[in-house]
Amino acid sequence: MSLEVTKRQGIVVWVYTLRQIKNLKRYGYIHYVSNRMKYVVLYVDQAEAQATAEKLNSLHFVRKVELSHRPDIDMTLKNALPGRKDRNKPETEYSDSAFETKTYSF
């Protein structure tokens, strides 16, 4: 038995009032609700995200629907900064004389 992770995508639903939040539960998992700015963050399956967004946009209490851009972003950040030195492999080897203590007389 293996666990398969389903790809999810976030949908931000801007609403006029928060009374109909219970109706949004049938479209996906409600992750966050902003009382002040009146929006809801839903998570749905990535394969069904576009169709769910269109259904949500047709509801009378929905102002605007936005899809999350996170699946489109490349999350491998290995070469994100071109001038960054890698910490795992040092570029120069130090000689023993570089670490010798120097004595100063005043």
N, C-alpha and C. Protein backbone atom coordinates (compact mmCIF):
# COMPACT_ATOMS: atom_id res chain seq x y z
N MET A 1 0.85 -1.16 0.00
CA MET A 1 0.00 0.00 0.00
C MET A 1 0.90 1.24 0.00
N SER A 2 0.69 2.11 -0.95
CA SER A 2 1.50 3.32 -1.03
C SER A 2 0.60 4.55 -0.94
N LEU A 3 1.15 5.56 -0.37
CA LEU A 3 0.42 6.82 -0.21
C LEU A 3 0.70 7.70 -1.41
N GLU A 4 -0.33 8.09 -2.11
CA GLU A 4 -0.17 8.97 -3.25
C GLU A 4 -0.65 10.37 -2.87
N VAL A 5 0.21 11.34 -3.10
CA VAL A 5 -0.12 12.72 -2.77
C VAL A 5 -0.81 13.34 -3.97
N THR A 6 -2.00 13.88 -3.73
CA THR A 6 -2.72 14.53 -4.83
C THR A 6 -2.24 15.96 -4.95
N LYS A 7 -2.09 16.42 -6.17
CA LYS A 7 -1.67 17.80 -6.42
C LYS A 7 -2.84 18.72 -6.10
N ARG A 8 -2.56 19.76 -5.32
CA ARG A 8 -3.59 20.70 -4.91
C ARG A 8 -3.24 22.08 -5.42
N GLN A 9 -4.25 22.92 -5.55
CA GLN A 9 -4.05 24.30 -5.97
C GLN A 9 -4.96 25.20 -5.15
N GLY A 10 -4.44 26.35 -4.78
CA GLY A 10 -5.22 27.30 -3.99
C GLY A 10 -6.07 28.19 -4.88
N ILE A 11 -7.24 28.52 -4.39
CA ILE A 11 -8.14 29.44 -5.07
C ILE A 11 -8.56 30.49 -4.05
N VAL A 12 -8.40 31.77 -4.41
CA VAL A 12 -8.83 32.86 -3.55
C VAL A 12 -10.18 33.33 -4.06
N VAL A 13 -11.18 33.30 -3.20
CA VAL A 13 -12.54 33.68 -3.56
C VAL A 13 -12.90 34.95 -2.79
N TRP A 14 -13.09 36.03 -3.51
CA TRP A 14 -13.51 37.30 -2.90
C TRP A 14 -15.04 37.31 -2.89
N VAL A 15 -15.62 37.58 -1.72
CA VAL A 15 -17.07 37.53 -1.58
C VAL A 15 -17.60 38.89 -1.11
N TYR A 16 -18.89 39.09 -1.32
CA TYR A 16 -19.54 40.32 -0.84
C TYR A 16 -19.82 40.25 0.65
N THR A 17 -20.35 39.12 1.11
CA THR A 17 -20.59 38.90 2.54
C THR A 17 -20.08 37.52 2.91
N LEU A 18 -19.83 37.31 4.18
CA LEU A 18 -19.30 36.03 4.65
C LEU A 18 -20.40 35.07 5.11
N ARG A 19 -21.64 35.39 4.85
CA ARG A 19 -22.73 34.52 5.27
C ARG A 19 -22.73 33.17 4.54
N GLN A 20 -22.28 33.17 3.30
CA GLN A 20 -22.36 31.97 2.48
C GLN A 20 -21.10 31.11 2.54
N ILE A 21 -20.32 31.22 3.58
CA ILE A 21 -19.09 30.41 3.67
C ILE A 21 -19.42 28.92 3.72
N LYS A 22 -20.51 28.58 4.35
CA LYS A 22 -20.90 27.16 4.41
C LYS A 22 -21.16 26.59 3.02
N ASN A 23 -21.62 27.42 2.09
CA ASN A 23 -21.84 26.95 0.73
C ASN A 23 -20.52 26.67 0.00
N LEU A 24 -19.44 27.34 0.40
CA LEU A 24 -18.16 27.13 -0.26
C LEU A 24 -17.49 25.84 0.17
N LYS A 25 -17.93 25.23 1.27
CA LYS A 25 -17.32 23.99 1.74
C LYS A 25 -17.47 22.85 0.74
N ARG A 26 -18.51 22.88 -0.06
CA ARG A 26 -18.73 21.78 -1.01
C ARG A 26 -17.79 21.85 -2.22
N TYR A 27 -17.10 22.98 -2.42
CA TYR A 27 -16.21 23.13 -3.56
C TYR A 27 -14.76 22.77 -3.25
N GLY A 28 -14.40 22.76 -1.98
CA GLY A 28 -13.03 22.42 -1.61
C GLY A 28 -12.80 22.62 -0.13
N TYR A 29 -11.54 22.45 0.27
CA TYR A 29 -11.15 22.60 1.66
C TYR A 29 -10.90 24.08 1.96
N ILE A 30 -11.61 24.63 2.95
CA ILE A 30 -11.43 26.03 3.32
C ILE A 30 -10.22 26.12 4.25
N HIS A 31 -9.20 26.82 3.77
CA HIS A 31 -7.96 26.95 4.52
C HIS A 31 -7.95 28.20 5.39
N TYR A 32 -8.46 29.31 4.88
CA TYR A 32 -8.41 30.57 5.61
C TYR A 32 -9.59 31.45 5.21
N VAL A 33 -10.11 32.19 6.18
CA VAL A 33 -11.19 33.15 5.93
C VAL A 33 -10.76 34.48 6.52
N SER A 34 -10.77 35.53 5.71
CA SER A 34 -10.46 36.88 6.18
C SER A 34 -11.76 37.62 6.41
N ASN A 35 -12.05 37.92 7.67
CA ASN A 35 -13.27 38.64 8.00
C ASN A 35 -13.20 40.09 7.56
N ARG A 36 -12.02 40.68 7.67
CA ARG A 36 -11.89 42.10 7.36
C ARG A 36 -11.90 42.37 5.86
N MET A 37 -11.16 41.56 5.10
CA MET A 37 -11.07 41.81 3.66
C MET A 37 -12.06 40.98 2.85
N LYS A 38 -12.78 40.09 3.51
CA LYS A 38 -13.85 39.30 2.91
C LYS A 38 -13.37 38.44 1.74
N TYR A 39 -12.42 37.57 2.04
CA TYR A 39 -12.01 36.57 1.06
C TYR A 39 -11.79 35.24 1.74
N VAL A 40 -11.85 34.18 0.94
CA VAL A 40 -11.70 32.82 1.43
C VAL A 40 -10.64 32.13 0.58
N VAL A 41 -9.73 31.39 1.23
CA VAL A 41 -8.73 30.61 0.51
C VAL A 41 -9.18 29.16 0.54
N LEU A 42 -9.41 28.61 -0.65
CA LEU A 42 -9.83 27.22 -0.81
C LEU A 42 -8.70 26.41 -1.42
N TYR A 43 -8.64 25.14 -1.10
CA TYR A 43 -7.72 24.22 -1.77
C TYR A 43 -8.55 23.15 -2.46
N VAL A 44 -8.27 22.95 -3.75
CA VAL A 44 -8.97 21.94 -4.55
C VAL A 44 -7.93 21.12 -5.31
N ASP A 45 -8.36 20.01 -5.91
CA ASP A 45 -7.46 19.23 -6.74
C ASP A 45 -7.03 20.06 -7.94
N GLN A 46 -5.75 19.92 -8.32
CA GLN A 46 -5.22 20.75 -9.39
C GLN A 46 -5.88 20.45 -10.73
N ALA A 47 -6.29 19.22 -10.95
CA ALA A 47 -6.94 18.86 -12.22
C ALA A 47 -8.32 19.52 -12.34
N GLU A 48 -8.96 19.77 -11.22
CA GLU A 48 -10.31 20.35 -11.24
C GLU A 48 -10.33 21.83 -10.89
N ALA A 49 -9.18 22.47 -10.78
CA ALA A 49 -9.10 23.85 -10.29
C ALA A 49 -9.78 24.83 -11.24
N GLN A 50 -9.53 24.71 -12.53
CA GLN A 50 -10.11 25.65 -13.49
C GLN A 50 -11.63 25.52 -13.54
N ALA A 51 -12.14 24.30 -13.55
CA ALA A 51 -13.59 24.09 -13.59
C ALA A 51 -14.25 24.59 -12.30
N THR A 52 -13.60 24.37 -11.17
CA THR A 52 -14.14 24.85 -9.90
C THR A 52 -14.15 26.37 -9.84
N ALA A 53 -13.12 27.00 -10.40
CA ALA A 53 -13.07 28.46 -10.41
C ALA A 53 -14.20 29.04 -11.25
N GLU A 54 -14.51 28.40 -12.36
CA GLU A 54 -15.61 28.87 -13.19
C GLU A 54 -16.95 28.70 -12.49
N LYS A 55 -17.12 27.58 -11.77
CA LYS A 55 -18.36 27.38 -11.01
C LYS A 55 -18.50 28.42 -9.90
N LEU A 56 -17.39 28.69 -9.21
CA LEU A 56 -17.43 29.67 -8.13
C LEU A 56 -17.71 31.07 -8.65
N ASN A 57 -17.19 31.39 -9.80
CA ASN A 57 -17.39 32.71 -10.38
C ASN A 57 -18.84 32.95 -10.78
N SER A 58 -19.58 31.89 -11.03
CA SER A 58 -20.98 32.04 -11.43
C SER A 58 -21.92 32.22 -10.23
N LEU A 59 -21.44 32.04 -9.02
CA LEU A 59 -22.29 32.21 -7.84
C LEU A 59 -22.57 33.69 -7.59
N HIS A 60 -23.75 33.98 -7.09
CA HIS A 60 -24.17 35.38 -6.95
C HIS A 60 -23.46 36.13 -5.83
N PHE A 61 -22.94 35.43 -4.83
CA PHE A 61 -22.29 36.11 -3.72
C PHE A 61 -20.77 36.24 -3.89
N VAL A 62 -20.25 35.80 -5.03
CA VAL A 62 -18.81 35.85 -5.29
C VAL A 62 -18.49 37.09 -6.10
N ARG A 63 -17.53 37.85 -5.63
CA ARG A 63 -17.09 39.06 -6.32
C ARG A 63 -16.04 38.74 -7.38
N LYS A 64 -15.02 37.96 -6.99
CA LYS A 64 -13.91 37.65 -7.90
C LYS A 64 -13.26 36.35 -7.46
N VAL A 65 -12.70 35.61 -8.44
CA VAL A 65 -12.00 34.36 -8.16
C VAL A 65 -10.60 34.46 -8.76
N GLU A 66 -9.59 34.10 -7.96
CA GLU A 66 -8.20 34.11 -8.43
C GLU A 66 -7.58 32.75 -8.17
N LEU A 67 -6.88 32.21 -9.16
CA LEU A 67 -6.15 30.96 -9.00
C LEU A 67 -4.75 31.26 -8.49
N SER A 68 -4.24 30.37 -7.67
CA SER A 68 -2.89 30.53 -7.15
C SER A 68 -1.87 30.23 -8.25
N HIS A 69 -0.77 30.98 -8.25
CA HIS A 69 0.28 30.78 -9.25
C HIS A 69 1.41 29.90 -8.72
N ARG A 70 1.26 29.35 -7.55
CA ARG A 70 2.34 28.55 -6.97
C ARG A 70 2.71 27.32 -7.79
N PRO A 71 1.76 26.58 -8.39
CA PRO A 71 2.19 25.42 -9.20
C PRO A 71 3.00 25.83 -10.43
N ASP A 72 2.87 27.06 -10.89
CA ASP A 72 3.61 27.51 -12.06
C ASP A 72 5.03 27.94 -11.74
N ILE A 73 5.33 28.17 -10.47
CA ILE A 73 6.64 28.68 -10.07
C ILE A 73 7.60 27.52 -9.87
N ASP A 74 8.82 27.66 -10.40
CA ASP A 74 9.85 26.66 -10.21
C ASP A 74 10.41 26.81 -8.80
N MET A 75 10.26 25.80 -7.97
CA MET A 75 10.67 25.90 -6.58
C MET A 75 12.09 25.38 -6.33
N THR A 76 12.83 25.02 -7.37
CA THR A 76 14.22 24.63 -7.18
C THR A 76 15.06 25.89 -7.19
N LEU A 77 15.62 26.22 -6.07
CA LEU A 77 16.30 27.49 -5.90
C LEU A 77 17.82 27.32 -5.87
N LYS A 78 18.33 26.25 -6.45
CA LYS A 78 19.77 25.99 -6.38
C LYS A 78 20.57 27.07 -7.10
N ASN A 79 20.16 27.48 -8.28
CA ASN A 79 20.88 28.49 -9.04
C ASN A 79 20.11 29.80 -9.12
N ALA A 80 19.38 30.13 -8.07
CA ALA A 80 18.58 31.35 -8.09
C ALA A 80 19.45 32.59 -8.08
N LEU A 81 20.54 32.58 -7.32
CA LEU A 81 21.46 33.71 -7.27
C LEU A 81 22.72 33.33 -8.02
N PRO A 82 23.00 33.99 -9.16
CA PRO A 82 24.12 33.55 -9.99
C PRO A 82 25.49 33.76 -9.35
N GLY A 83 25.67 34.76 -8.50
CA GLY A 83 26.98 35.02 -7.93
C GLY A 83 27.21 34.39 -6.56
N ARG A 84 26.30 33.57 -6.10
CA ARG A 84 26.37 32.98 -4.77
C ARG A 84 27.38 31.84 -4.75
N LYS A 85 28.18 31.80 -3.70
CA LYS A 85 29.15 30.72 -3.53
C LYS A 85 28.48 29.59 -2.76
N ASP A 86 28.76 28.37 -3.15
CA ASP A 86 28.18 27.22 -2.49
C ASP A 86 28.90 26.97 -1.18
N ARG A 87 28.16 26.78 -0.11
CA ARG A 87 28.77 26.58 1.20
C ARG A 87 29.38 25.19 1.36
N ASN A 88 28.90 24.22 0.63
CA ASN A 88 29.34 22.85 0.82
C ASN A 88 30.73 22.58 0.26
N LYS A 89 31.12 23.27 -0.78
CA LYS A 89 32.45 23.05 -1.33
C LYS A 89 33.22 24.36 -1.35
N PRO A 90 34.27 24.45 -0.56
CA PRO A 90 35.06 25.68 -0.54
C PRO A 90 35.84 25.83 -1.84
N GLU A 91 35.98 27.07 -2.27
CA GLU A 91 36.67 27.32 -3.54
C GLU A 91 38.18 27.29 -3.39
N THR A 92 38.71 27.78 -2.30
CA THR A 92 40.16 27.84 -2.12
C THR A 92 40.55 27.04 -0.89
N GLU A 93 41.68 26.39 -0.99
CA GLU A 93 42.24 25.69 0.15
C GLU A 93 43.20 26.62 0.84
N TYR A 94 43.16 26.61 2.15
CA TYR A 94 44.02 27.47 2.92
C TYR A 94 45.28 26.70 3.30
N SER A 95 46.39 27.40 3.28
CA SER A 95 47.63 26.78 3.72
C SER A 95 47.76 26.92 5.23
N ASP A 96 48.67 26.17 5.80
CA ASP A 96 48.86 26.21 7.25
C ASP A 96 49.40 27.56 7.70
N SER A 97 50.13 28.24 6.84
CA SER A 97 50.71 29.53 7.24
C SER A 97 49.64 30.61 7.38
N ALA A 98 48.51 30.44 6.77
CA ALA A 98 47.45 31.44 6.86
C ALA A 98 46.82 31.45 8.25
N PHE A 99 46.94 30.34 8.98
CA PHE A 99 46.32 30.25 10.29
C PHE A 99 47.31 30.39 11.43
N GLU A 100 48.54 30.68 11.12
CA GLU A 100 49.53 30.85 12.18
C GLU A 100 49.22 32.13 12.95
N THR A 101 49.47 32.06 14.23
CA THR A 101 49.22 33.24 15.05
C THR A 101 50.39 34.20 14.91
N LYS A 102 50.05 35.43 14.86
CA LYS A 102 51.07 36.47 14.77
C LYS A 102 51.17 37.16 16.11
N THR A 103 52.36 37.41 16.55
CA THR A 103 52.55 38.11 17.80
C THR A 103 53.00 39.54 17.51
N TYR A 104 52.43 40.42 18.23
CA TYR A 104 52.76 41.84 18.07
C TYR A 104 53.40 42.34 19.36
N SER A 105 54.39 43.14 19.22
CA SER A 105 55.00 43.75 20.41
C SER A 105 54.77 45.25 20.35
N PHE A 106 54.37 45.79 21.47
CA PHE A 106 54.07 47.22 21.53
C PHE A 106 55.07 47.93 22.38
